Amino acid sequence: MVSVPQDGDGAGMLPGKKMNRHKMRLQEMERARAEAARELSEGGGDPQEAAREAAALSCYCAEHNLHVYEITADGHCLYSALADQLNVRQPASHPYTYESLRKAAAAYMRHHSDMFIPFITDLDETYANVDANSEALSSTDKFMQYCDAVENTSIWGGHPEILALANVLHTSVHIFQAEMPIVKIGEEFTDKAPLQISYHVKMFGLGEHYNSLRPNA
């Protein structure tokens, strides 16, 4: 079972500079998401771009003595990739699952709603089937609906959920993406080796996807 830090344990409100950095990264990921969705609607992306993404990942893995462990593309890929990292790097008596990490992320986000509401976009709410037409719903009500979707559906996970899990697990998460600097979330957590995952937009012809980057034996 994944325990959720309470007030005073883990992050509360983010400092201004860190909040701005996370918002900028979120905007970059939203642009990538929109581009991936557009390419899928047009029948797929450029094979040369997919090849470049694959080559960049191969170089990164060789440099850091890692290999790609492919995760099923089922909407749970972020949580499954992180669960795989935890089970390989930080084995526990009860293996981590995408279900347990979804539950932990949603609980942390609910408990720190002021921290996360600014990160949730209209597009996120649309994917989560949040009732945007009801004038009676406050931003907090919509956010709670979003958290319910995080916990109970196969809605895709992104930057806010990674931030939540870094705090829940007290472990940093490093995200490789081709042609981008390595994204490091939860850098304040230095007691454990970082979890390393890869974020793909072009390689699989499926839009956005996460894989686990396991250390070589």
N, C-alpha and C. Protein backbone atom coordinates (compact mmCIF):
# COMPACT_ATOMS: atom_id res chain seq x y z
N MET A 1 0.85 -1.20 0.00
CA MET A 1 0.00 0.00 0.00
C MET A 1 0.88 1.24 0.00
N VAL A 2 0.53 2.23 -0.81
CA VAL A 2 1.30 3.47 -0.89
C VAL A 2 0.68 4.48 0.06
N SER A 3 1.45 4.95 1.04
CA SER A 3 0.93 5.94 1.98
C SER A 3 1.05 7.33 1.40
N VAL A 4 0.09 8.18 1.70
CA VAL A 4 0.05 9.54 1.17
C VAL A 4 0.50 10.51 2.24
N PRO A 5 1.57 11.32 1.98
CA PRO A 5 2.00 12.30 2.96
C PRO A 5 0.89 13.29 3.28
N GLN A 6 0.81 13.67 4.56
CA GLN A 6 -0.16 14.67 4.98
C GLN A 6 0.53 16.02 5.09
N ASP A 7 -0.18 17.04 5.58
CA ASP A 7 0.40 18.36 5.71
C ASP A 7 1.67 18.29 6.54
N GLY A 8 2.69 18.99 6.05
CA GLY A 8 3.96 19.00 6.74
C GLY A 8 4.85 17.84 6.36
N ASP A 9 4.37 16.92 5.56
CA ASP A 9 5.14 15.76 5.13
C ASP A 9 5.14 15.74 3.61
N GLY A 10 6.23 16.14 3.01
CA GLY A 10 6.26 16.29 1.56
C GLY A 10 5.92 17.73 1.20
N ALA A 11 5.58 17.96 -0.07
CA ALA A 11 5.36 19.31 -0.56
C ALA A 11 3.98 19.81 -0.22
N GLY A 12 3.88 21.12 0.01
CA GLY A 12 2.59 21.79 0.10
C GLY A 12 2.46 22.66 -1.13
N MET A 13 2.34 23.96 -0.92
CA MET A 13 2.35 24.86 -2.06
C MET A 13 3.76 24.96 -2.60
N LEU A 14 3.92 24.97 -3.92
CA LEU A 14 5.23 25.09 -4.52
C LEU A 14 5.72 26.52 -4.46
N PRO A 15 7.04 26.74 -4.24
CA PRO A 15 7.58 28.09 -4.34
C PRO A 15 7.35 28.64 -5.74
N GLY A 16 7.35 29.99 -5.83
CA GLY A 16 6.99 30.64 -7.09
C GLY A 16 7.81 30.19 -8.28
N LYS A 17 9.14 30.15 -8.15
CA LYS A 17 9.99 29.78 -9.28
C LYS A 17 9.74 28.34 -9.70
N LYS A 18 9.58 27.45 -8.72
CA LYS A 18 9.33 26.05 -9.04
C LYS A 18 7.96 25.90 -9.70
N MET A 19 6.96 26.63 -9.21
CA MET A 19 5.63 26.58 -9.81
C MET A 19 5.70 27.01 -11.27
N ASN A 20 6.43 28.11 -11.55
CA ASN A 20 6.54 28.59 -12.93
C ASN A 20 7.24 27.56 -13.81
N ARG A 21 8.28 26.91 -13.27
CA ARG A 21 8.99 25.90 -14.05
C ARG A 21 8.07 24.73 -14.38
N HIS A 22 7.29 24.30 -13.42
CA HIS A 22 6.35 23.20 -13.67
C HIS A 22 5.28 23.61 -14.67
N LYS A 23 4.82 24.86 -14.58
CA LYS A 23 3.81 25.32 -15.54
C LYS A 23 4.37 25.35 -16.96
N MET A 24 5.63 25.80 -17.10
CA MET A 24 6.25 25.84 -18.43
C MET A 24 6.37 24.43 -18.99
N ARG A 25 6.78 23.48 -18.14
CA ARG A 25 6.91 22.10 -18.61
C ARG A 25 5.54 21.54 -18.98
N LEU A 26 4.54 21.87 -18.21
CA LEU A 26 3.19 21.40 -18.51
C LEU A 26 2.73 21.94 -19.85
N GLN A 27 3.02 23.21 -20.15
CA GLN A 27 2.65 23.79 -21.42
C GLN A 27 3.34 23.07 -22.58
N GLU A 28 4.62 22.71 -22.38
CA GLU A 28 5.34 21.97 -23.41
C GLU A 28 4.69 20.62 -23.67
N MET A 29 4.30 19.95 -22.59
CA MET A 29 3.67 18.64 -22.75
C MET A 29 2.29 18.76 -23.38
N GLU A 30 1.58 19.83 -23.08
CA GLU A 30 0.27 20.04 -23.71
C GLU A 30 0.43 20.27 -25.21
N ARG A 31 1.47 21.01 -25.60
CA ARG A 31 1.73 21.20 -27.04
C ARG A 31 2.05 19.87 -27.71
N ALA A 32 2.87 19.05 -27.03
CA ALA A 32 3.20 17.74 -27.59
C ALA A 32 1.96 16.86 -27.69
N ARG A 33 1.11 16.94 -26.69
CA ARG A 33 -0.13 16.15 -26.70
C ARG A 33 -1.02 16.57 -27.86
N ALA A 34 -1.17 17.87 -28.06
CA ALA A 34 -2.01 18.36 -29.15
C ALA A 34 -1.44 17.96 -30.50
N GLU A 35 -0.11 18.03 -30.64
CA GLU A 35 0.53 17.64 -31.90
C GLU A 35 0.35 16.15 -32.16
N ALA A 36 0.52 15.34 -31.11
CA ALA A 36 0.34 13.90 -31.28
C ALA A 36 -1.09 13.57 -31.68
N ALA A 37 -2.06 14.23 -31.06
CA ALA A 37 -3.46 14.00 -31.40
C ALA A 37 -3.75 14.40 -32.85
N ARG A 38 -3.16 15.52 -33.27
CA ARG A 38 -3.36 15.98 -34.65
C ARG A 38 -2.79 14.96 -35.64
N GLU A 39 -1.57 14.48 -35.36
CA GLU A 39 -0.94 13.52 -36.27
C GLU A 39 -1.74 12.22 -36.35
N LEU A 40 -2.26 11.77 -35.22
CA LEU A 40 -3.08 10.56 -35.24
C LEU A 40 -4.33 10.75 -36.08
N SER A 41 -4.94 11.93 -35.97
CA SER A 41 -6.16 12.19 -36.73
C SER A 41 -5.88 12.27 -38.22
N GLU A 42 -4.61 12.57 -38.57
CA GLU A 42 -4.23 12.69 -39.97
C GLU A 42 -3.61 11.40 -40.51
N GLY A 43 -3.67 10.35 -39.72
CA GLY A 43 -3.21 9.05 -40.21
C GLY A 43 -1.81 8.68 -39.80
N GLY A 44 -1.26 9.34 -38.77
CA GLY A 44 0.07 8.97 -38.29
C GLY A 44 1.08 10.05 -38.54
N GLY A 45 2.24 9.93 -37.88
CA GLY A 45 3.28 10.94 -37.96
C GLY A 45 4.31 10.61 -39.02
N ASP A 46 5.39 11.39 -39.01
CA ASP A 46 6.49 11.25 -39.95
C ASP A 46 7.39 10.10 -39.50
N PRO A 47 7.60 9.08 -40.35
CA PRO A 47 8.48 7.97 -39.96
C PRO A 47 9.89 8.42 -39.63
N GLN A 48 10.37 9.46 -40.30
CA GLN A 48 11.72 9.96 -40.01
C GLN A 48 11.79 10.55 -38.61
N GLU A 49 10.74 11.22 -38.18
CA GLU A 49 10.72 11.76 -36.82
C GLU A 49 10.69 10.63 -35.80
N ALA A 50 9.94 9.57 -36.10
CA ALA A 50 9.91 8.41 -35.21
C ALA A 50 11.28 7.78 -35.11
N ALA A 51 11.99 7.70 -36.24
CA ALA A 51 13.34 7.12 -36.25
C ALA A 51 14.30 7.97 -35.44
N ARG A 52 14.18 9.29 -35.54
CA ARG A 52 15.05 10.18 -34.77
C ARG A 52 14.78 10.03 -33.27
N GLU A 53 13.52 9.91 -32.92
CA GLU A 53 13.18 9.73 -31.51
C GLU A 53 13.76 8.41 -30.99
N ALA A 54 13.65 7.36 -31.78
CA ALA A 54 14.19 6.06 -31.38
C ALA A 54 15.71 6.11 -31.25
N ALA A 55 16.37 6.80 -32.17
CA ALA A 55 17.83 6.90 -32.12
C ALA A 55 18.29 7.68 -30.90
N ALA A 56 17.59 8.76 -30.58
CA ALA A 56 17.94 9.55 -29.40
C ALA A 56 17.79 8.73 -28.13
N LEU A 57 16.72 7.94 -28.05
CA LEU A 57 16.50 7.10 -26.88
C LEU A 57 17.59 6.04 -26.77
N SER A 58 17.98 5.45 -27.90
CA SER A 58 19.02 4.44 -27.90
C SER A 58 20.34 5.01 -27.40
N CYS A 59 20.68 6.22 -27.84
CA CYS A 59 21.91 6.87 -27.39
C CYS A 59 21.87 7.15 -25.90
N TYR A 60 20.73 7.64 -25.42
CA TYR A 60 20.60 7.95 -24.00
C TYR A 60 20.76 6.68 -23.16
N CYS A 61 20.12 5.61 -23.58
CA CYS A 61 20.21 4.35 -22.83
C CYS A 61 21.65 3.82 -22.81
N ALA A 62 22.33 3.90 -23.95
CA ALA A 62 23.72 3.43 -24.00
C ALA A 62 24.60 4.25 -23.07
N GLU A 63 24.38 5.55 -23.04
CA GLU A 63 25.20 6.44 -22.22
C GLU A 63 24.98 6.19 -20.73
N HIS A 64 23.76 5.82 -20.35
CA HIS A 64 23.42 5.68 -18.93
C HIS A 64 23.24 4.22 -18.50
N ASN A 65 23.66 3.28 -19.35
CA ASN A 65 23.61 1.85 -19.02
C ASN A 65 22.18 1.41 -18.68
N LEU A 66 21.26 1.78 -19.54
CA LEU A 66 19.84 1.46 -19.37
C LEU A 66 19.32 0.69 -20.57
N HIS A 67 18.17 0.08 -20.42
CA HIS A 67 17.46 -0.46 -21.57
C HIS A 67 15.97 -0.19 -21.40
N VAL A 68 15.27 -0.18 -22.51
CA VAL A 68 13.83 0.13 -22.50
C VAL A 68 13.04 -1.13 -22.15
N TYR A 69 12.19 -0.99 -21.15
CA TYR A 69 11.22 -2.04 -20.85
C TYR A 69 9.87 -1.51 -21.33
N GLU A 70 9.32 -2.16 -22.36
CA GLU A 70 8.12 -1.63 -22.99
C GLU A 70 6.88 -1.88 -22.14
N ILE A 71 6.08 -0.84 -22.04
CA ILE A 71 4.85 -0.85 -21.25
C ILE A 71 3.66 -0.89 -22.19
N THR A 72 2.64 -1.62 -21.83
CA THR A 72 1.43 -1.70 -22.65
C THR A 72 0.79 -0.33 -22.80
N ALA A 73 0.40 -0.01 -24.02
CA ALA A 73 -0.24 1.28 -24.31
C ALA A 73 -1.74 1.15 -24.08
N ASP A 74 -2.16 1.34 -22.82
CA ASP A 74 -3.56 1.12 -22.47
C ASP A 74 -4.16 2.27 -21.66
N GLY A 75 -3.48 3.42 -21.63
CA GLY A 75 -3.96 4.53 -20.82
C GLY A 75 -3.35 4.56 -19.44
N HIS A 76 -2.82 3.42 -19.00
CA HIS A 76 -2.20 3.32 -17.67
C HIS A 76 -0.68 3.38 -17.77
N CYS A 77 -0.13 3.72 -18.94
CA CYS A 77 1.30 3.52 -19.17
C CYS A 77 2.19 4.30 -18.20
N LEU A 78 1.82 5.53 -17.84
CA LEU A 78 2.64 6.28 -16.88
C LEU A 78 2.74 5.52 -15.57
N TYR A 79 1.60 5.11 -15.04
CA TYR A 79 1.57 4.44 -13.74
C TYR A 79 2.25 3.07 -13.81
N SER A 80 2.06 2.37 -14.91
CA SER A 80 2.71 1.07 -15.07
C SER A 80 4.22 1.21 -15.19
N ALA A 81 4.67 2.26 -15.89
CA ALA A 81 6.11 2.50 -16.02
C ALA A 81 6.73 2.81 -14.67
N LEU A 82 6.06 3.65 -13.89
CA LEU A 82 6.58 3.99 -12.56
C LEU A 82 6.51 2.78 -11.62
N ALA A 83 5.45 1.99 -11.72
CA ALA A 83 5.35 0.78 -10.90
C ALA A 83 6.49 -0.18 -11.24
N ASP A 84 6.80 -0.31 -12.53
CA ASP A 84 7.91 -1.17 -12.92
C ASP A 84 9.22 -0.66 -12.34
N GLN A 85 9.45 0.64 -12.41
CA GLN A 85 10.66 1.22 -11.83
C GLN A 85 10.76 0.92 -10.34
N LEU A 86 9.68 1.11 -9.64
CA LEU A 86 9.67 0.87 -8.20
C LEU A 86 9.92 -0.60 -7.88
N ASN A 87 9.29 -1.49 -8.62
CA ASN A 87 9.44 -2.92 -8.35
C ASN A 87 10.85 -3.42 -8.66
N VAL A 88 11.52 -2.77 -9.63
CA VAL A 88 12.89 -3.15 -9.98
C VAL A 88 13.90 -2.49 -9.05
N ARG A 89 13.70 -1.20 -8.75
CA ARG A 89 14.70 -0.43 -8.01
C ARG A 89 14.46 -0.42 -6.51
N GLN A 90 13.21 -0.48 -6.11
CA GLN A 90 12.87 -0.41 -4.68
C GLN A 90 11.87 -1.52 -4.35
N PRO A 91 12.28 -2.78 -4.45
CA PRO A 91 11.33 -3.88 -4.24
C PRO A 91 10.66 -3.81 -2.87
N ALA A 92 9.38 -4.12 -2.85
CA ALA A 92 8.60 -4.12 -1.60
C ALA A 92 7.91 -5.47 -1.46
N SER A 93 7.39 -5.74 -0.27
CA SER A 93 6.73 -7.02 -0.03
C SER A 93 5.49 -7.18 -0.90
N HIS A 94 4.82 -6.06 -1.18
CA HIS A 94 3.67 -6.08 -2.08
C HIS A 94 4.03 -5.25 -3.31
N PRO A 95 4.11 -5.86 -4.49
CA PRO A 95 4.51 -5.12 -5.68
C PRO A 95 3.59 -3.93 -5.95
N TYR A 96 4.18 -2.87 -6.47
CA TYR A 96 3.41 -1.71 -6.89
C TYR A 96 2.64 -2.07 -8.16
N THR A 97 1.48 -1.48 -8.32
CA THR A 97 0.66 -1.67 -9.52
C THR A 97 0.19 -0.31 -10.01
N TYR A 98 -0.30 -0.29 -11.25
CA TYR A 98 -0.83 0.98 -11.73
C TYR A 98 -2.03 1.40 -10.90
N GLU A 99 -2.81 0.43 -10.41
CA GLU A 99 -3.97 0.77 -9.59
C GLU A 99 -3.56 1.47 -8.30
N SER A 100 -2.53 0.94 -7.63
CA SER A 100 -2.12 1.54 -6.36
C SER A 100 -1.53 2.93 -6.57
N LEU A 101 -0.82 3.13 -7.68
CA LEU A 101 -0.24 4.45 -7.93
C LEU A 101 -1.31 5.45 -8.38
N ARG A 102 -2.30 5.00 -9.13
CA ARG A 102 -3.41 5.90 -9.46
C ARG A 102 -4.11 6.37 -8.19
N LYS A 103 -4.38 5.44 -7.29
CA LYS A 103 -5.06 5.79 -6.05
C LYS A 103 -4.22 6.76 -5.23
N ALA A 104 -2.91 6.53 -5.15
CA ALA A 104 -2.04 7.39 -4.37
C ALA A 104 -1.94 8.79 -4.98
N ALA A 105 -1.81 8.87 -6.31
CA ALA A 105 -1.73 10.17 -6.96
C ALA A 105 -3.01 10.97 -6.74
N ALA A 106 -4.15 10.32 -6.92
CA ALA A 106 -5.43 11.01 -6.75
C ALA A 106 -5.61 11.50 -5.32
N ALA A 107 -5.24 10.67 -4.34
CA ALA A 107 -5.39 11.06 -2.94
C ALA A 107 -4.50 12.25 -2.60
N TYR A 108 -3.27 12.24 -3.09
CA TYR A 108 -2.36 13.35 -2.82
C TYR A 108 -2.87 14.64 -3.46
N MET A 109 -3.36 14.53 -4.68
CA MET A 109 -3.85 15.72 -5.39
C MET A 109 -5.09 16.28 -4.70
N ARG A 110 -5.98 15.41 -4.23
CA ARG A 110 -7.15 15.90 -3.49
C ARG A 110 -6.72 16.63 -2.22
N HIS A 111 -5.74 16.08 -1.52
CA HIS A 111 -5.30 16.64 -0.25
C HIS A 111 -4.54 17.95 -0.44
N HIS A 112 -3.98 18.16 -1.63
CA HIS A 112 -3.23 19.37 -1.93
C HIS A 112 -3.84 20.07 -3.14
N SER A 113 -5.14 20.25 -3.11
CA SER A 113 -5.86 20.77 -4.27
C SER A 113 -5.37 22.15 -4.68
N ASP A 114 -5.03 23.02 -3.72
CA ASP A 114 -4.56 24.36 -4.07
C ASP A 114 -3.27 24.31 -4.88
N MET A 115 -2.49 23.28 -4.64
CA MET A 115 -1.22 23.12 -5.36
C MET A 115 -1.45 22.65 -6.79
N PHE A 116 -2.48 21.84 -7.02
CA PHE A 116 -2.64 21.18 -8.31
C PHE A 116 -3.68 21.81 -9.23
N ILE A 117 -4.67 22.49 -8.68
CA ILE A 117 -5.71 23.08 -9.54
C ILE A 117 -5.12 23.94 -10.65
N PRO A 118 -4.06 24.76 -10.39
CA PRO A 118 -3.52 25.58 -11.48
C PRO A 118 -2.92 24.78 -12.63
N PHE A 119 -2.60 23.50 -12.39
CA PHE A 119 -1.97 22.69 -13.43
C PHE A 119 -2.97 22.01 -14.35
N ILE A 120 -4.22 21.90 -13.93
CA ILE A 120 -5.19 21.12 -14.69
C ILE A 120 -5.85 22.00 -15.74
N THR A 121 -5.67 21.63 -17.00
CA THR A 121 -6.16 22.43 -18.11
C THR A 121 -7.56 22.00 -18.53
N ASP A 122 -8.17 22.82 -19.38
CA ASP A 122 -9.47 22.45 -19.94
C ASP A 122 -9.38 21.14 -20.72
N LEU A 123 -8.23 20.94 -21.40
CA LEU A 123 -8.04 19.70 -22.16
C LEU A 123 -8.01 18.49 -21.23
N ASP A 124 -7.32 18.64 -20.08
CA ASP A 124 -7.31 17.56 -19.09
C ASP A 124 -8.73 17.23 -18.64
N GLU A 125 -9.50 18.27 -18.35
CA GLU A 125 -10.87 18.06 -17.88
C GLU A 125 -11.73 17.40 -18.96
N THR A 126 -11.49 17.77 -20.21
CA THR A 126 -12.23 17.16 -21.31
C THR A 126 -11.94 15.67 -21.39
N TYR A 127 -10.65 15.31 -21.33
CA TYR A 127 -10.27 13.90 -21.37
C TYR A 127 -10.85 13.13 -20.19
N ALA A 128 -11.01 13.81 -19.05
CA ALA A 128 -11.53 13.15 -17.85
C ALA A 128 -13.05 13.16 -17.79
N ASN A 129 -13.70 13.71 -18.84
CA ASN A 129 -15.16 13.79 -18.89
C ASN A 129 -15.74 14.59 -17.71
N VAL A 130 -15.00 15.62 -17.31
CA VAL A 130 -15.51 16.51 -16.27
C VAL A 130 -16.68 17.30 -16.84
N ASP A 131 -17.69 17.51 -16.04
CA ASP A 131 -18.90 18.21 -16.48
C ASP A 131 -18.62 19.70 -16.58
N ALA A 132 -18.15 20.13 -17.75
CA ALA A 132 -17.79 21.54 -17.94
C ALA A 132 -19.01 22.42 -18.18
N ASN A 133 -20.17 21.82 -18.44
CA ASN A 133 -21.36 22.60 -18.77
C ASN A 133 -22.17 23.03 -17.56
N SER A 134 -21.86 22.46 -16.42
CA SER A 134 -22.63 22.78 -15.23
C SER A 134 -22.10 24.05 -14.56
N GLU A 135 -22.91 25.11 -14.57
CA GLU A 135 -22.50 26.36 -13.94
C GLU A 135 -22.44 26.22 -12.42
N ALA A 136 -23.05 25.18 -11.90
CA ALA A 136 -23.06 25.00 -10.45
C ALA A 136 -21.74 24.46 -9.92
N LEU A 137 -20.90 23.94 -10.81
CA LEU A 137 -19.64 23.35 -10.36
C LEU A 137 -18.56 24.41 -10.21
N SER A 138 -17.95 24.47 -9.05
CA SER A 138 -16.80 25.34 -8.83
C SER A 138 -15.55 24.69 -9.42
N SER A 139 -14.47 25.46 -9.49
CA SER A 139 -13.21 24.89 -9.97
C SER A 139 -12.77 23.74 -9.09
N THR A 140 -13.03 23.84 -7.79
CA THR A 140 -12.68 22.76 -6.87
C THR A 140 -13.51 21.52 -7.15
N ASP A 141 -14.81 21.69 -7.40
CA ASP A 141 -15.67 20.55 -7.72
C ASP A 141 -15.19 19.84 -8.98
N LYS A 142 -14.84 20.64 -10.00
CA LYS A 142 -14.35 20.06 -11.25
C LYS A 142 -13.04 19.31 -11.01
N PHE A 143 -12.19 19.89 -10.17
CA PHE A 143 -10.92 19.25 -9.87
C PHE A 143 -11.14 17.92 -9.16
N MET A 144 -12.09 17.87 -8.25
CA MET A 144 -12.37 16.62 -7.55
C MET A 144 -12.90 15.57 -8.52
N GLN A 145 -13.70 15.99 -9.50
CA GLN A 145 -14.14 15.06 -10.55
C GLN A 145 -12.93 14.54 -11.33
N TYR A 146 -12.00 15.45 -11.61
CA TYR A 146 -10.79 15.05 -12.33
C TYR A 146 -10.02 14.01 -11.53
N CYS A 147 -9.86 14.23 -10.22
CA CYS A 147 -9.14 13.28 -9.37
C CYS A 147 -9.84 11.93 -9.33
N ASP A 148 -11.17 11.94 -9.34
CA ASP A 148 -11.91 10.68 -9.40
C ASP A 148 -11.57 9.91 -10.68
N ALA A 149 -11.43 10.65 -11.79
CA ALA A 149 -11.07 10.01 -13.05
C ALA A 149 -9.65 9.47 -13.01
N VAL A 150 -8.74 10.21 -12.38
CA VAL A 150 -7.36 9.73 -12.22
C VAL A 150 -7.36 8.39 -11.50
N GLU A 151 -8.15 8.29 -10.45
CA GLU A 151 -8.15 7.08 -9.63
C GLU A 151 -8.87 5.91 -10.29
N ASN A 152 -9.95 6.18 -11.02
CA ASN A 152 -10.88 5.10 -11.38
C ASN A 152 -11.00 4.80 -12.86
N THR A 153 -10.32 5.55 -13.72
CA THR A 153 -10.43 5.32 -15.16
C THR A 153 -9.05 5.13 -15.76
N SER A 154 -9.00 4.97 -17.07
CA SER A 154 -7.73 4.82 -17.77
C SER A 154 -7.26 6.14 -18.38
N ILE A 155 -7.73 7.27 -17.83
CA ILE A 155 -7.28 8.57 -18.32
C ILE A 155 -5.76 8.65 -18.26
N TRP A 156 -5.18 9.19 -19.32
CA TRP A 156 -3.73 9.31 -19.44
C TRP A 156 -3.17 10.17 -18.31
N GLY A 157 -2.03 9.80 -17.77
CA GLY A 157 -1.37 10.57 -16.72
C GLY A 157 -0.26 11.43 -17.28
N GLY A 158 -0.02 12.58 -16.67
CA GLY A 158 1.01 13.49 -17.14
C GLY A 158 1.75 14.16 -16.00
N HIS A 159 2.17 15.39 -16.27
CA HIS A 159 3.04 16.12 -15.35
C HIS A 159 2.44 16.27 -13.95
N PRO A 160 1.18 16.67 -13.79
CA PRO A 160 0.65 16.82 -12.43
C PRO A 160 0.69 15.52 -11.64
N GLU A 161 0.37 14.42 -12.30
CA GLU A 161 0.35 13.14 -11.60
C GLU A 161 1.77 12.68 -11.25
N ILE A 162 2.74 12.97 -12.11
CA ILE A 162 4.13 12.64 -11.79
C ILE A 162 4.59 13.45 -10.59
N LEU A 163 4.24 14.73 -10.56
CA LEU A 163 4.59 15.58 -9.42
C LEU A 163 3.98 15.04 -8.13
N ALA A 164 2.73 14.63 -8.20
CA ALA A 164 2.08 14.06 -7.02
C ALA A 164 2.79 12.81 -6.54
N LEU A 165 3.13 11.92 -7.47
CA LEU A 165 3.75 10.66 -7.08
C LEU A 165 5.17 10.85 -6.58
N ALA A 166 5.89 11.82 -7.12
CA ALA A 166 7.23 12.11 -6.60
C ALA A 166 7.14 12.48 -5.12
N ASN A 167 6.11 13.24 -4.76
CA ASN A 167 5.93 13.63 -3.37
C ASN A 167 5.43 12.47 -2.51
N VAL A 168 4.53 11.67 -3.05
CA VAL A 168 4.04 10.51 -2.30
C VAL A 168 5.19 9.54 -1.99
N LEU A 169 6.03 9.31 -3.00
CA LEU A 169 7.08 8.30 -2.89
C LEU A 169 8.38 8.86 -2.32
N HIS A 170 8.45 10.19 -2.17
CA HIS A 170 9.68 10.86 -1.74
C HIS A 170 10.85 10.42 -2.63
N THR A 171 10.59 10.39 -3.91
CA THR A 171 11.57 9.92 -4.89
C THR A 171 11.48 10.80 -6.13
N SER A 172 12.63 11.21 -6.66
CA SER A 172 12.61 12.02 -7.87
C SER A 172 12.30 11.14 -9.08
N VAL A 173 11.75 11.77 -10.10
CA VAL A 173 11.43 11.08 -11.35
C VAL A 173 12.13 11.81 -12.47
N HIS A 174 12.93 11.08 -13.25
CA HIS A 174 13.62 11.64 -14.40
C HIS A 174 12.92 11.15 -15.67
N ILE A 175 12.60 12.09 -16.55
CA ILE A 175 11.83 11.76 -17.76
C ILE A 175 12.65 12.11 -18.99
N PHE A 176 12.96 11.10 -19.78
CA PHE A 176 13.66 11.32 -21.05
C PHE A 176 12.65 11.59 -22.14
N GLN A 177 12.93 12.62 -22.94
CA GLN A 177 12.17 12.88 -24.15
C GLN A 177 13.13 13.35 -25.22
N ALA A 178 13.03 12.80 -26.41
CA ALA A 178 13.95 13.14 -27.49
C ALA A 178 13.96 14.64 -27.75
N GLU A 179 15.17 15.16 -27.97
CA GLU A 179 15.38 16.56 -28.34
C GLU A 179 14.95 17.53 -27.26
N MET A 180 14.89 17.05 -26.01
CA MET A 180 14.54 17.90 -24.88
C MET A 180 15.50 17.59 -23.74
N PRO A 181 15.77 18.58 -22.86
CA PRO A 181 16.55 18.27 -21.66
C PRO A 181 15.80 17.27 -20.80
N ILE A 182 16.55 16.49 -20.02
CA ILE A 182 15.93 15.55 -19.11
C ILE A 182 15.10 16.33 -18.09
N VAL A 183 13.86 15.95 -17.94
CA VAL A 183 12.98 16.59 -16.95
C VAL A 183 13.16 15.87 -15.62
N LYS A 184 13.45 16.63 -14.58
CA LYS A 184 13.67 16.06 -13.25
C LYS A 184 12.62 16.63 -12.30
N ILE A 185 11.74 15.78 -11.83
CA ILE A 185 10.66 16.19 -10.93
C ILE A 185 10.93 15.59 -9.55
N GLY A 186 10.82 16.44 -8.53
CA GLY A 186 11.11 15.98 -7.18
C GLY A 186 12.59 15.92 -6.89
N GLU A 187 13.34 16.90 -7.41
CA GLU A 187 14.80 16.90 -7.22
C GLU A 187 15.21 17.03 -5.76
N GLU A 188 14.29 17.49 -4.91
CA GLU A 188 14.63 17.64 -3.50
C GLU A 188 14.77 16.29 -2.79
N PHE A 189 14.27 15.24 -3.42
CA PHE A 189 14.34 13.91 -2.81
C PHE A 189 15.60 13.21 -3.29
N THR A 190 16.61 13.16 -2.46
CA THR A 190 17.93 12.67 -2.87
C THR A 190 18.34 11.37 -2.17
N ASP A 191 17.50 10.85 -1.29
CA ASP A 191 17.88 9.66 -0.53
C ASP A 191 17.77 8.37 -1.35
N LYS A 192 17.00 8.41 -2.43
CA LYS A 192 16.79 7.22 -3.25
C LYS A 192 17.20 7.51 -4.68
N ALA A 193 17.57 6.46 -5.40
CA ALA A 193 17.87 6.61 -6.82
C ALA A 193 16.62 7.07 -7.56
N PRO A 194 16.77 7.96 -8.53
CA PRO A 194 15.59 8.44 -9.25
C PRO A 194 14.94 7.34 -10.08
N LEU A 195 13.64 7.46 -10.25
CA LEU A 195 12.92 6.60 -11.18
C LEU A 195 13.10 7.18 -12.57
N GLN A 196 13.41 6.33 -13.55
CA GLN A 196 13.70 6.82 -14.90
C GLN A 196 12.71 6.22 -15.89
N ILE A 197 12.01 7.11 -16.57
CA ILE A 197 11.04 6.70 -17.57
C ILE A 197 11.27 7.50 -18.84
N SER A 198 10.72 7.01 -19.94
CA SER A 198 10.84 7.72 -21.21
C SER A 198 9.45 8.12 -21.70
N TYR A 199 9.41 9.30 -22.33
CA TYR A 199 8.15 9.85 -22.84
C TYR A 199 8.26 9.91 -24.36
N HIS A 200 7.34 9.26 -25.04
CA HIS A 200 7.39 9.15 -26.49
C HIS A 200 6.18 9.84 -27.12
N VAL A 201 6.43 10.50 -28.22
CA VAL A 201 5.35 11.12 -28.98
C VAL A 201 5.28 10.53 -30.39
N LYS A 202 6.42 10.14 -30.95
CA LYS A 202 6.47 9.73 -32.35
C LYS A 202 6.63 8.22 -32.57
N MET A 203 7.34 7.55 -31.66
CA MET A 203 7.87 6.21 -31.96
C MET A 203 6.81 5.16 -32.25
N PHE A 204 5.71 5.18 -31.53
CA PHE A 204 4.81 4.04 -31.54
C PHE A 204 3.57 4.24 -32.42
N GLY A 205 3.43 5.41 -33.01
CA GLY A 205 2.27 5.67 -33.83
C GLY A 205 0.97 5.67 -33.07
N LEU A 206 1.07 5.82 -31.74
CA LEU A 206 -0.11 5.78 -30.87
C LEU A 206 -0.34 7.09 -30.14
N GLY A 207 0.46 8.11 -30.46
CA GLY A 207 0.42 9.33 -29.66
C GLY A 207 1.35 9.20 -28.47
N GLU A 208 0.99 9.83 -27.38
CA GLU A 208 1.86 9.86 -26.20
C GLU A 208 1.95 8.49 -25.54
N HIS A 209 3.15 8.22 -25.03
CA HIS A 209 3.35 6.93 -24.36
C HIS A 209 4.55 7.03 -23.43
N TYR A 210 4.49 6.27 -22.33
CA TYR A 210 5.61 6.17 -21.39
C TYR A 210 6.12 4.74 -21.35
N ASN A 211 7.46 4.60 -21.28
CA ASN A 211 8.09 3.31 -21.02
C ASN A 211 8.99 3.43 -19.80
N SER A 212 9.39 2.29 -19.27
CA SER A 212 10.30 2.22 -18.13
C SER A 212 11.73 2.03 -18.64
N LEU A 213 12.68 2.74 -18.06
CA LEU A 213 14.10 2.60 -18.42
C LEU A 213 14.81 1.85 -17.30
N ARG A 214 14.96 0.55 -17.50
CA ARG A 214 15.57 -0.29 -16.49
C ARG A 214 17.10 -0.26 -16.58
N PRO A 215 17.79 -0.37 -15.44
CA PRO A 215 19.25 -0.49 -15.49
C PRO A 215 19.65 -1.84 -16.08
N ASN A 216 20.74 -1.84 -16.85
CA ASN A 216 21.25 -3.10 -17.37
C ASN A 216 21.80 -3.95 -16.23
N ALA A 217 21.67 -5.25 -16.38
CA ALA A 217 22.16 -6.16 -15.34
C ALA A 217 23.68 -6.12 -15.26
